[in-house]
Amino acid sequence: MKLKIQSITEDKKSISGNTKFIKKNIIPMLKGVGVTKTRVRRFGDQIEIEFDADNRQFKTFQKILKKKVGKEGSRARENFNIQVFENLIKEMVKEVINE
């Protein structure tokens, strides 16, 4: 199962992964954090959710997600194959701006 978290803009975030895992785990987590507006797209067995979350909500969501699937380098996290792209995208944008 692959779960990808991307930061589209500062407030817009995107998560894609297995449909069953997203429906049973991610959507309730988002509701618990206080995210109300979501946009869902389906791609076969995969599902992508775009949502608006401020930094406080997103950090709380990440903490809950880490509790669910484990910390970086843990066996549980390797099984989920979670990739967080938020920092990578920021670094890429900074490199493009500096050039």
PDB file of N, CA and C in Angstrom:
ATOM      1  N   MET A   1       0.843  -1.155   0.000  1.00  0.00           N
ATOM      2  CA  MET A   1       0.000   0.000   0.000  1.00  0.00           C
ATOM      3  C   MET A   1       0.897   1.228   0.000  1.00  0.00           C
ATOM      4  N   LYS A   2       0.614   2.178  -0.866  1.00  0.00           N
ATOM      5  CA  LYS A   2       1.367   3.420  -0.922  1.00  0.00           C
ATOM      6  C   LYS A   2       0.458   4.555  -0.501  1.00  0.00           C
ATOM      7  N   LEU A   3       0.980   5.417   0.344  1.00  0.00           N
ATOM      8  CA  LEU A   3       0.252   6.582   0.806  1.00  0.00           C
ATOM      9  C   LEU A   3       1.157   7.774   0.597  1.00  0.00           C
ATOM     10  N   LYS A   4       0.718   8.731  -0.192  1.00  0.00           N
ATOM     11  CA  LYS A   4       1.526   9.908  -0.500  1.00  0.00           C
ATOM     12  C   LYS A   4       0.836  11.146   0.036  1.00  0.00           C
ATOM     13  N   ILE A   5       1.609  11.988   0.721  1.00  0.00           N
ATOM     14  CA  ILE A   5       1.101  13.250   1.240  1.00  0.00           C
ATOM     15  C   ILE A   5       1.846  14.362   0.524  1.00  0.00           C
ATOM     16  N   GLN A   6       1.100  15.251  -0.111  1.00  0.00           N
ATOM     17  CA  GLN A   6       1.717  16.354  -0.840  1.00  0.00           C
ATOM     18  C   GLN A   6       1.123  17.670  -0.371  1.00  0.00           C
ATOM     19  N   SER A   7       1.944  18.704  -0.410  1.00  0.00           N
ATOM     20  CA  SER A   7       1.494  20.046  -0.105  1.00  0.00           C
ATOM     21  C   SER A   7       1.375  20.796  -1.425  1.00  0.00           C
ATOM     22  N   ILE A   8       0.166  21.094  -1.853  1.00  0.00           N
ATOM     23  CA  ILE A   8      -0.065  21.779  -3.124  1.00  0.00           C
ATOM     24  C   ILE A   8       0.203  23.268  -2.957  1.00  0.00           C
ATOM     25  N   THR A   9      -0.436  23.879  -1.989  1.00  0.00           N
ATOM     26  CA  THR A   9      -0.136  25.247  -1.602  1.00  0.00           C
ATOM     27  C   THR A   9       0.040  25.233  -0.095  1.00  0.00           C
ATOM     28  N   GLU A  10       0.140  26.402   0.505  1.00  0.00           N
ATOM     29  CA  GLU A  10       0.362  26.434   1.945  1.00  0.00           C
ATOM     30  C   GLU A  10      -0.805  25.826   2.712  1.00  0.00           C
ATOM     31  N   ASP A  11      -2.033  26.055   2.265  1.00  0.00           N
ATOM     32  CA  ASP A  11      -3.199  25.534   2.970  1.00  0.00           C
ATOM     33  C   ASP A  11      -3.766  24.271   2.332  1.00  0.00           C
ATOM     34  N   LYS A  12      -3.507  24.025   1.056  1.00  0.00           N
ATOM     35  CA  LYS A  12      -4.034  22.841   0.395  1.00  0.00           C
ATOM     36  C   LYS A  12      -3.054  21.692   0.519  1.00  0.00           C
ATOM     37  N   LYS A  13      -3.557  20.551   0.944  1.00  0.00           N
ATOM     38  CA  LYS A  13      -2.755  19.345   1.069  1.00  0.00           C
ATOM     39  C   LYS A  13      -3.432  18.241   0.274  1.00  0.00           C
ATOM     40  N   SER A  14      -2.660  17.225  -0.078  1.00  0.00           N
ATOM     41  CA  SER A  14      -3.186  16.114  -0.864  1.00  0.00           C
ATOM     42  C   SER A  14      -2.641  14.806  -0.324  1.00  0.00           C
ATOM     43  N   ILE A  15      -3.508  13.815  -0.210  1.00  0.00           N
ATOM     44  CA  ILE A  15      -3.117  12.475   0.218  1.00  0.00           C
ATOM     45  C   ILE A  15      -3.685  11.487  -0.781  1.00  0.00           C
ATOM     46  N   SER A  16      -2.848  10.546  -1.208  1.00  0.00           N
ATOM     47  CA  SER A  16      -3.347   9.491  -2.086  1.00  0.00           C
ATOM     48  C   SER A  16      -2.879   8.156  -1.554  1.00  0.00           C
ATOM     49  N   GLY A  17      -3.679   7.142  -1.789  1.00  0.00           N
ATOM     50  CA  GLY A  17      -3.317   5.811  -1.322  1.00  0.00           C
ATOM     51  C   GLY A  17      -4.442   4.819  -1.558  1.00  0.00           C
ATOM     52  N   ASN A  18      -4.349   3.709  -0.878  1.00  0.00           N
ATOM     53  CA  ASN A  18      -5.303   2.626  -0.979  1.00  0.00           C
ATOM     54  C   ASN A  18      -6.688   3.104  -0.531  1.00  0.00           C
ATOM     55  N   THR A  19      -7.719   2.777  -1.311  1.00  0.00           N
ATOM     56  CA  THR A  19      -9.069   3.250  -1.043  1.00  0.00           C
ATOM     57  C   THR A  19      -9.558   2.815   0.335  1.00  0.00           C
ATOM     58  N   LYS A  20      -9.363   1.553   0.675  1.00  0.00           N
ATOM     59  CA  LYS A  20      -9.865   1.038   1.949  1.00  0.00           C
ATOM     60  C   LYS A  20      -9.189   1.732   3.128  1.00  0.00           C
ATOM     61  N   PHE A  21      -7.865   1.904   3.060  1.00  0.00           N
ATOM     62  CA  PHE A  21      -7.134   2.558   4.145  1.00  0.00           C
ATOM     63  C   PHE A  21      -7.554   4.013   4.286  1.00  0.00           C
ATOM     64  N   ILE A  22      -7.718   4.702   3.167  1.00  0.00           N
ATOM     65  CA  ILE A  22      -8.119   6.116   3.193  1.00  0.00           C
ATOM     66  C   ILE A  22      -9.502   6.263   3.824  1.00  0.00           C
ATOM     67  N   LYS A  23     -10.458   5.428   3.388  1.00  0.00           N
ATOM     68  CA  LYS A  23     -11.826   5.536   3.894  1.00  0.00           C
ATOM     69  C   LYS A  23     -11.917   5.221   5.378  1.00  0.00           C
ATOM     70  N   LYS A  24     -11.235   4.177   5.822  1.00  0.00           N
ATOM     71  CA  LYS A  24     -11.378   3.730   7.210  1.00  0.00           C
ATOM     72  C   LYS A  24     -10.494   4.492   8.189  1.00  0.00           C
ATOM     73  N   ASN A  25      -9.401   5.089   7.725  1.00  0.00           N
ATOM     74  CA  ASN A  25      -8.457   5.714   8.647  1.00  0.00           C
ATOM     75  C   ASN A  25      -8.262   7.207   8.420  1.00  0.00           C
ATOM     76  N   ILE A  26      -7.965   7.601   7.194  1.00  0.00           N
ATOM     77  CA  ILE A  26      -7.588   8.990   6.926  1.00  0.00           C
ATOM     78  C   ILE A  26      -8.774   9.946   7.063  1.00  0.00           C
ATOM     79  N   ILE A  27      -9.921   9.597   6.496  1.00  0.00           N
ATOM     80  CA  ILE A  27     -11.079  10.496   6.556  1.00  0.00           C
ATOM     81  C   ILE A  27     -11.522  10.739   7.994  1.00  0.00           C
ATOM     82  N   PRO A  28     -11.630   9.698   8.860  1.00  0.00           N
ATOM     83  CA  PRO A  28     -11.957   9.984  10.266  1.00  0.00           C
ATOM     84  C   PRO A  28     -10.900  10.833  10.973  1.00  0.00           C
ATOM     85  N   MET A  29      -9.618  10.642  10.623  1.00  0.00           N
ATOM     86  CA  MET A  29      -8.560  11.461  11.214  1.00  0.00           C
ATOM     87  C   MET A  29      -8.734  12.922  10.822  1.00  0.00           C
ATOM     88  N   LEU A  30      -9.048  13.162   9.555  1.00  0.00           N
ATOM     89  CA  LEU A  30      -9.244  14.537   9.085  1.00  0.00           C
ATOM     90  C   LEU A  30     -10.428  15.185   9.789  1.00  0.00           C
ATOM     91  N   LYS A  31     -11.517  14.437   9.963  1.00  0.00           N
ATOM     92  CA  LYS A  31     -12.674  14.984  10.671  1.00  0.00           C
ATOM     93  C   LYS A  31     -12.330  15.288  12.117  1.00  0.00           C
ATOM     94  N   GLY A  32     -11.531  14.430  12.746  1.00  0.00           N
ATOM     95  CA  GLY A  32     -11.130  14.643  14.134  1.00  0.00           C
ATOM     96  C   GLY A  32     -10.269  15.876  14.311  1.00  0.00           C
ATOM     97  N   VAL A  33      -9.475  16.192  13.295  1.00  0.00           N
ATOM     98  CA  VAL A  33      -8.604  17.368  13.350  1.00  0.00           C
ATOM     99  C   VAL A  33      -9.395  18.642  13.089  1.00  0.00           C
ATOM    100  N   GLY A  34     -10.517  18.533  12.395  1.00  0.00           N
ATOM    101  CA  GLY A  34     -11.350  19.708  12.121  1.00  0.00           C
ATOM    102  C   GLY A  34     -11.391  20.108  10.666  1.00  0.00           C
ATOM    103  N   VAL A  35     -10.914  19.258   9.767  1.00  0.00           N
ATOM    104  CA  VAL A  35     -10.957  19.547   8.334  1.00  0.00           C
ATOM    105  C   VAL A  35     -12.353  19.193   7.832  1.00  0.00           C
ATOM    106  N   THR A  36     -13.020  20.160   7.207  1.00  0.00           N
ATOM    107  CA  THR A  36     -14.383  19.929   6.752  1.00  0.00           C
ATOM    108  C   THR A  36     -14.494  19.861   5.235  1.00  0.00           C
ATOM    109  N   LYS A  37     -13.690  20.626   4.514  1.00  0.00           N
ATOM    110  CA  LYS A  37     -13.791  20.655   3.057  1.00  0.00           C
ATOM    111  C   LYS A  37     -12.755  19.723   2.448  1.00  0.00           C
ATOM    112  N   THR A  38     -13.236  18.725   1.733  1.00  0.00           N
ATOM    113  CA  THR A  38     -12.344  17.780   1.056  1.00  0.00           C
ATOM    114  C   THR A  38     -12.825  17.571  -0.369  1.00  0.00           C
ATOM    115  N   ARG A  39     -11.913  17.183  -1.231  1.00  0.00           N
ATOM    116  CA  ARG A  39     -12.235  16.843  -2.609  1.00  0.00           C
ATOM    117  C   ARG A  39     -11.631  15.469  -2.878  1.00  0.00           C
ATOM    118  N   VAL A  40     -12.436  14.537  -3.359  1.00  0.00           N
ATOM    119  CA  VAL A  40     -11.999  13.153  -3.530  1.00  0.00           C
ATOM    120  C   VAL A  40     -12.010  12.789  -5.007  1.00  0.00           C
ATOM    121  N   ARG A  41     -10.927  12.141  -5.439  1.00  0.00           N
ATOM    122  CA  ARG A  41     -10.839  11.622  -6.805  1.00  0.00           C
ATOM    123  C   ARG A  41     -10.455  10.153  -6.731  1.00  0.00           C
ATOM    124  N   ARG A  42     -11.042   9.347  -7.610  1.00  0.00           N
ATOM    125  CA  ARG A  42     -10.722   7.920  -7.654  1.00  0.00           C
ATOM    126  C   ARG A  42      -9.945   7.592  -8.915  1.00  0.00           C
ATOM    127  N   PHE A  43      -8.950   6.732  -8.737  1.00  0.00           N
ATOM    128  CA  PHE A  43      -8.139   6.238  -9.850  1.00  0.00           C
ATOM    129  C   PHE A  43      -8.028   4.731  -9.706  1.00  0.00           C
ATOM    130  N   GLY A  44      -9.052   4.007 -10.104  1.00  0.00           N
ATOM    131  CA  GLY A  44      -9.032   2.552  -9.959  1.00  0.00           C
ATOM    132  C   GLY A  44      -9.073   2.158  -8.490  1.00  0.00           C
ATOM    133  N   ASP A  45      -8.030   1.471  -8.022  1.00  0.00           N
ATOM    134  CA  ASP A  45      -7.958   1.069  -6.621  1.00  0.00           C
ATOM    135  C   ASP A  45      -7.420   2.177  -5.725  1.00  0.00           C
ATOM    136  N   GLN A  46      -6.923   3.239  -6.313  1.00  0.00           N
ATOM    137  CA  GLN A  46      -6.348   4.344  -5.547  1.00  0.00           C
ATOM    138  C   GLN A  46      -7.367   5.457  -5.388  1.00  0.00           C
ATOM    139  N   ILE A  47      -7.174   6.248  -4.341  1.00  0.00           N
ATOM    140  CA  ILE A  47      -8.042   7.388  -4.087  1.00  0.00           C
ATOM    141  C   ILE A  47      -7.157   8.564  -3.675  1.00  0.00           C
ATOM    142  N   GLU A  48      -7.524   9.764  -4.107  1.00  0.00           N
ATOM    143  CA  GLU A  48      -6.767  10.960  -3.748  1.00  0.00           C
ATOM    144  C   GLU A  48      -7.706  11.949  -3.081  1.00  0.00           C
ATOM    145  N   ILE A  49      -7.269  12.497  -1.952  1.00  0.00           N
ATOM    146  CA  ILE A  49      -8.063  13.474  -1.219  1.00  0.00           C
ATOM    147  C   ILE A  49      -7.290  14.776  -1.147  1.00  0.00           C
ATOM    148  N   GLU A  50      -7.927  15.865  -1.572  1.00  0.00           N
ATOM    149  CA  GLU A  50      -7.362  17.203  -1.401  1.00  0.00           C
ATOM    150  C   GLU A  50      -8.159  17.876  -0.302  1.00  0.00           C
ATOM    151  N   PHE A  51      -7.474  18.548   0.608  1.00  0.00           N
ATOM    152  CA  PHE A  51      -8.166  19.204   1.711  1.00  0.00           C
ATOM    153  C   PHE A  51      -7.447  20.479   2.102  1.00  0.00           C
ATOM    154  N   ASP A  52      -8.222  21.404   2.676  1.00  0.00           N
ATOM    155  CA  ASP A  52      -7.679  22.661   3.192  1.00  0.00           C
ATOM    156  C   ASP A  52      -7.403  22.483   4.678  1.00  0.00           C
ATOM    157  N   ALA A  53      -6.155  22.743   5.073  1.00  0.00           N
ATOM    158  CA  ALA A  53      -5.794  22.648   6.493  1.00  0.00           C
ATOM    159  C   ALA A  53      -4.716  23.674   6.790  1.00  0.00           C
ATOM    160  N   ASP A  54      -4.892  24.388   7.888  1.00  0.00           N
ATOM    161  CA  ASP A  54      -3.832  25.311   8.293  1.00  0.00           C
ATOM    162  C   ASP A  54      -2.691  24.506   8.922  1.00  0.00           C
ATOM    163  N   ASN A  55      -1.607  25.177   9.254  1.00  0.00           N
ATOM    164  CA  ASN A  55      -0.429  24.484   9.771  1.00  0.00           C
ATOM    165  C   ASN A  55      -0.714  23.726  11.059  1.00  0.00           C
ATOM    166  N   ARG A  56      -1.517  24.297  11.946  1.00  0.00           N
ATOM    167  CA  ARG A  56      -1.843  23.647  13.211  1.00  0.00           C
ATOM    168  C   ARG A  56      -2.602  22.347  12.970  1.00  0.00           C
ATOM    169  N   GLN A  57      -3.606  22.402  12.098  1.00  0.00           N
ATOM    170  CA  GLN A  57      -4.383  21.202  11.786  1.00  0.00           C
ATOM    171  C   GLN A  57      -3.511  20.140  11.125  1.00  0.00           C
ATOM    172  N   PHE A  58      -2.633  20.567  10.216  1.00  0.00           N
ATOM    173  CA  PHE A  58      -1.816  19.602   9.489  1.00  0.00           C
ATOM    174  C   PHE A  58      -0.795  18.938  10.408  1.00  0.00           C
ATOM    175  N   LYS A  59      -0.203  19.696  11.327  1.00  0.00           N
ATOM    176  CA  LYS A  59       0.752  19.103  12.264  1.00  0.00           C
ATOM    177  C   LYS A  59       0.058  18.115  13.194  1.00  0.00           C
ATOM    178  N   THR A  60      -1.151  18.455  13.642  1.00  0.00           N
ATOM    179  CA  THR A  60      -1.920  17.529  14.473  1.00  0.00           C
ATOM    180  C   THR A  60      -2.254  16.264  13.689  1.00  0.00           C
ATOM    181  N   PHE A  61      -2.649  16.440  12.433  1.00  0.00           N
ATOM    182  CA  PHE A  61      -2.952  15.289  11.582  1.00  0.00           C
ATOM    183  C   PHE A  61      -1.725  14.400  11.403  1.00  0.00           C
ATOM    184  N   GLN A  62      -0.550  15.006  11.195  1.00  0.00           N
ATOM    185  CA  GLN A  62       0.674  14.223  11.020  1.00  0.00           C
ATOM    186  C   GLN A  62       1.016  13.434  12.275  1.00  0.00           C
ATOM    187  N   LYS A  63       0.802  14.028  13.457  1.00  0.00           N
ATOM    188  CA  LYS A  63       1.057  13.314  14.710  1.00  0.00           C
ATOM    189  C   LYS A  63       0.149  12.097  14.839  1.00  0.00           C
ATOM    190  N   ILE A  64      -1.123  12.279  14.521  1.00  0.00           N
ATOM    191  CA  ILE A  64      -2.071  11.168  14.597  1.00  0.00           C
ATOM    192  C   ILE A  64      -1.699  10.086  13.584  1.00  0.00           C
ATOM    193  N   LEU A  65      -1.303  10.497  12.396  1.00  0.00           N
ATOM    194  CA  LEU A  65      -0.918   9.547  11.356  1.00  0.00           C
ATOM    195  C   LEU A  65       0.329   8.761  11.767  1.00  0.00           C
ATOM    196  N   LYS A  66       1.292   9.428  12.391  1.00  0.00           N
ATOM    197  CA  LYS A  66       2.498   8.732  12.854  1.00  0.00           C
ATOM    198  C   LYS A  66       2.168   7.705  13.920  1.00  0.00           C
ATOM    199  N   LYS A  67       1.207   8.023  14.791  1.00  0.00           N
ATOM    200  CA  LYS A  67       0.790   7.051  15.802  1.00  0.00           C
ATOM    201  C   LYS A  67       0.158   5.829  15.139  1.00  0.00           C
ATOM    202  N   LYS A  68      -0.585   6.069  14.073  1.00  0.00           N
ATOM    203  CA  LYS A  68      -1.284   4.972  13.392  1.00  0.00           C
ATOM    204  C   LYS A  68      -0.323   4.067  12.631  1.00  0.00           C
ATOM    205  N   VAL A  69       0.627   4.651  11.917  1.00  0.00           N
ATOM    206  CA  VAL A  69       1.488   3.848  11.035  1.00  0.00           C
ATOM    207  C   VAL A  69       2.933   3.771  11.491  1.00  0.00           C
ATOM    208  N   GLY A  70       3.303   4.413  12.583  1.00  0.00           N
ATOM    209  CA  GLY A  70       4.660   4.311  13.096  1.00  0.00           C
ATOM    210  C   GLY A  70       5.532   5.473  12.680  1.00  0.00           C
ATOM    211  N   LYS A  71       6.667   5.599  13.370  1.00  0.00           N
ATOM    212  CA  LYS A  71       7.620   6.666  13.083  1.00  0.00           C
ATOM    213  C   LYS A  71       8.468   6.307  11.878  1.00  0.00           C
ATOM    214  N   GLU A  72       9.220   7.297  11.379  1.00  0.00           N
ATOM    215  CA  GLU A  72      10.089   7.060  10.229  1.00  0.00           C
ATOM    216  C   GLU A  72      11.117   6.000  10.575  1.00  0.00           C
ATOM    217  N   GLY A  73      11.319   5.068   9.661  1.00  0.00           N
ATOM    218  CA  GLY A  73      12.291   4.005   9.861  1.00  0.00           C
ATOM    219  C   GLY A  73      11.726   2.784  10.559  1.00  0.00           C
ATOM    220  N   SER A  74      10.485   2.854  11.048  1.00  0.00           N
ATOM    221  CA  SER A  74       9.906   1.696  11.726  1.00  0.00           C
ATOM    222  C   SER A  74       9.392   0.682  10.714  1.00  0.00           C
ATOM    223  N   ARG A  75       9.233  -0.526  11.162  1.00  0.00           N
ATOM    224  CA  ARG A  75       8.782  -1.610  10.292  1.00  0.00           C
ATOM    225  C   ARG A  75       7.355  -1.365   9.792  1.00  0.00           C
ATOM    226  N   ALA A  76       6.488  -0.872  10.671  1.00  0.00           N
ATOM    227  CA  ALA A  76       5.102  -0.607  10.279  1.00  0.00           C
ATOM    228  C   ALA A  76       5.033   0.440   9.176  1.00  0.00           C
ATOM    229  N   ARG A  77       5.870   1.462   9.300  1.00  0.00           N
ATOM    230  CA  ARG A  77       5.869   2.521   8.290  1.00  0.00           C
ATOM    231  C   ARG A  77       6.403   2.003   6.960  1.00  0.00           C
ATOM    232  N   GLU A  78       7.397   1.135   6.999  1.00  0.00           N
ATOM    233  CA  GLU A  78       7.914   0.549   5.764  1.00  0.00           C
ATOM    234  C   GLU A  78       6.836  -0.263   5.065  1.00  0.00           C
ATOM    235  N   ASN A  79       5.999  -0.949   5.843  1.00  0.00           N
ATOM    236  CA  ASN A  79       4.920  -1.733   5.253  1.00  0.00           C
ATOM    237  C   ASN A  79       3.895  -0.844   4.563  1.00  0.00           C
ATOM    238  N   PHE A  80       3.619   0.334   5.120  1.00  0.00           N
ATOM    239  CA  PHE A  80       2.684   1.266   4.497  1.00  0.00           C
ATOM    240  C   PHE A  80       3.324   2.044   3.361  1.00  0.00           C
ATOM    241  N   ASN A  81       4.647   2.135   3.339  1.00  0.00           N
ATOM    242  CA  ASN A  81       5.386   2.858   2.307  1.00  0.00           C
ATOM    243  C   ASN A  81       4.903   4.301   2.189  1.00  0.00           C
ATOM    244  N   ILE A  82       4.868   4.981   3.318  1.00  0.00           N
ATOM    245  CA  ILE A  82       4.395   6.369   3.354  1.00  0.00           C
ATOM    246  C   ILE A  82       5.512   7.304   2.925  1.00  0.00           C
ATOM    247  N   GLN A  83       5.162   8.224   2.078  1.00  0.00           N
ATOM    248  CA  GLN A  83       6.122   9.219   1.632  1.00  0.00           C
ATOM    249  C   GLN A  83       5.515  10.594   1.859  1.00  0.00           C
ATOM    250  N   VAL A  84       6.210  11.420   2.601  1.00  0.00           N
ATOM    251  CA  VAL A  84       5.750  12.775   2.855  1.00  0.00           C
ATOM    252  C   VAL A  84       6.533  13.700   1.943  1.00  0.00           C
ATOM    253  N   PHE A  85       5.840  14.365   1.038  1.00  0.00           N
ATOM    254  CA  PHE A  85       6.481  15.186   0.019  1.00  0.00           C
ATOM    255  C   PHE A  85       6.492  16.667   0.361  1.00  0.00           C
ATOM    256  N   GLU A  86       5.918  17.049   1.475  1.00  0.00           N
ATOM    257  CA  GLU A  86       5.786  18.473   1.786  1.00  0.00           C
ATOM    258  C   GLU A  86       7.146  19.164   1.814  1.00  0.00           C
ATOM    259  N   ASN A  87       8.110  18.636   2.549  1.00  0.00           N
ATOM    260  CA  ASN A  87       9.425  19.269   2.645  1.00  0.00           C
ATOM    261  C   ASN A  87      10.178  19.194   1.328  1.00  0.00           C
ATOM    262  N   LEU A  88      10.041  18.102   0.605  1.00  0.00           N
ATOM    263  CA  LEU A  88      10.717  17.945  -0.680  1.00  0.00           C
ATOM    264  C   LEU A  88      10.252  18.996  -1.674  1.00  0.00           C
ATOM    265  N   ILE A  89       8.961  19.253  -1.718  1.00  0.00           N
ATOM    266  CA  ILE A  89       8.414  20.248  -2.647  1.00  0.00           C
ATOM    267  C   ILE A  89       8.917  21.642  -2.279  1.00  0.00           C
ATOM    268  N   LYS A  90       8.956  21.957  -0.977  1.00  0.00           N
ATOM    269  CA  LYS A  90       9.452  23.277  -0.556  1.00  0.00           C
ATOM    270  C   LYS A  90      10.900  23.470  -0.988  1.00  0.00           C
ATOM    271  N   GLU A  91      11.721  22.427  -0.821  1.00  0.00           N
ATOM    272  CA  GLU A  91      13.118  22.516  -1.223  1.00  0.00           C
ATOM    273  C   GLU A  91      13.246  22.706  -2.732  1.00  0.00           C
ATOM    274  N   MET A  92      12.433  22.009  -3.518  1.00  0.00           N
ATOM    275  CA  MET A  92      12.479  22.132  -4.966  1.00  0.00           C
ATOM    276  C   MET A  92      12.095  23.544  -5.397  1.00  0.00           C
ATOM    277  N   VAL A  93      11.068  24.111  -4.765  1.00  0.00           N
ATOM    278  CA  VAL A  93      10.636  25.473  -5.102  1.00  0.00           C
ATOM    279  C   VAL A  93      11.735  26.470  -4.770  1.00  0.00           C
ATOM    280  N   LYS A  94      12.391  26.304  -3.609  1.00  0.00           N
ATOM    281  CA  LYS A  94      13.470  27.207  -3.231  1.00  0.00           C
ATOM    282  C   LYS A  94      14.629  27.131  -4.220  1.00  0.00           C
ATOM    283  N   GLU A  95      14.951  25.937  -4.687  1.00  0.00           N
ATOM    284  CA  GLU A  95      16.025  25.772  -5.669  1.00  0.00           C
ATOM    285  C   GLU A  95      15.680  26.477  -6.973  1.00  0.00           C
ATOM    286  N   VAL A  96      14.454  26.353  -7.425  1.00  0.00           N
ATOM    287  CA  VAL A  96      14.027  26.987  -8.674  1.00  0.00           C
ATOM    288  C   VAL A  96      14.067  28.505  -8.533  1.00  0.00           C
ATOM    289  N   ILE A  97      13.635  29.009  -7.370  1.00  0.00           N
ATOM    290  CA  ILE A  97      13.634  30.453  -7.142  1.00  0.00           C
ATOM    291  C   ILE A  97      15.058  30.987  -7.100  1.00  0.00           C
ATOM    292  N   ASN A  98      15.966  30.241  -6.453  1.00  0.00           N
ATOM    293  CA  ASN A  98      17.362  30.679  -6.351  1.00  0.00           C
ATOM    294  C   ASN A  98      18.079  30.684  -7.686  1.00  0.00           C
ATOM    295  N   GLU A  99      17.674  29.838  -8.606  1.00  0.00           N
ATOM    296  CA  GLU A  99      18.308  29.789  -9.934  1.00  0.00           C
ATOM    297  C   GLU A  99      17.824  30.936 -10.747  1.00  0.00           C
TER     298      GLU A  99
END
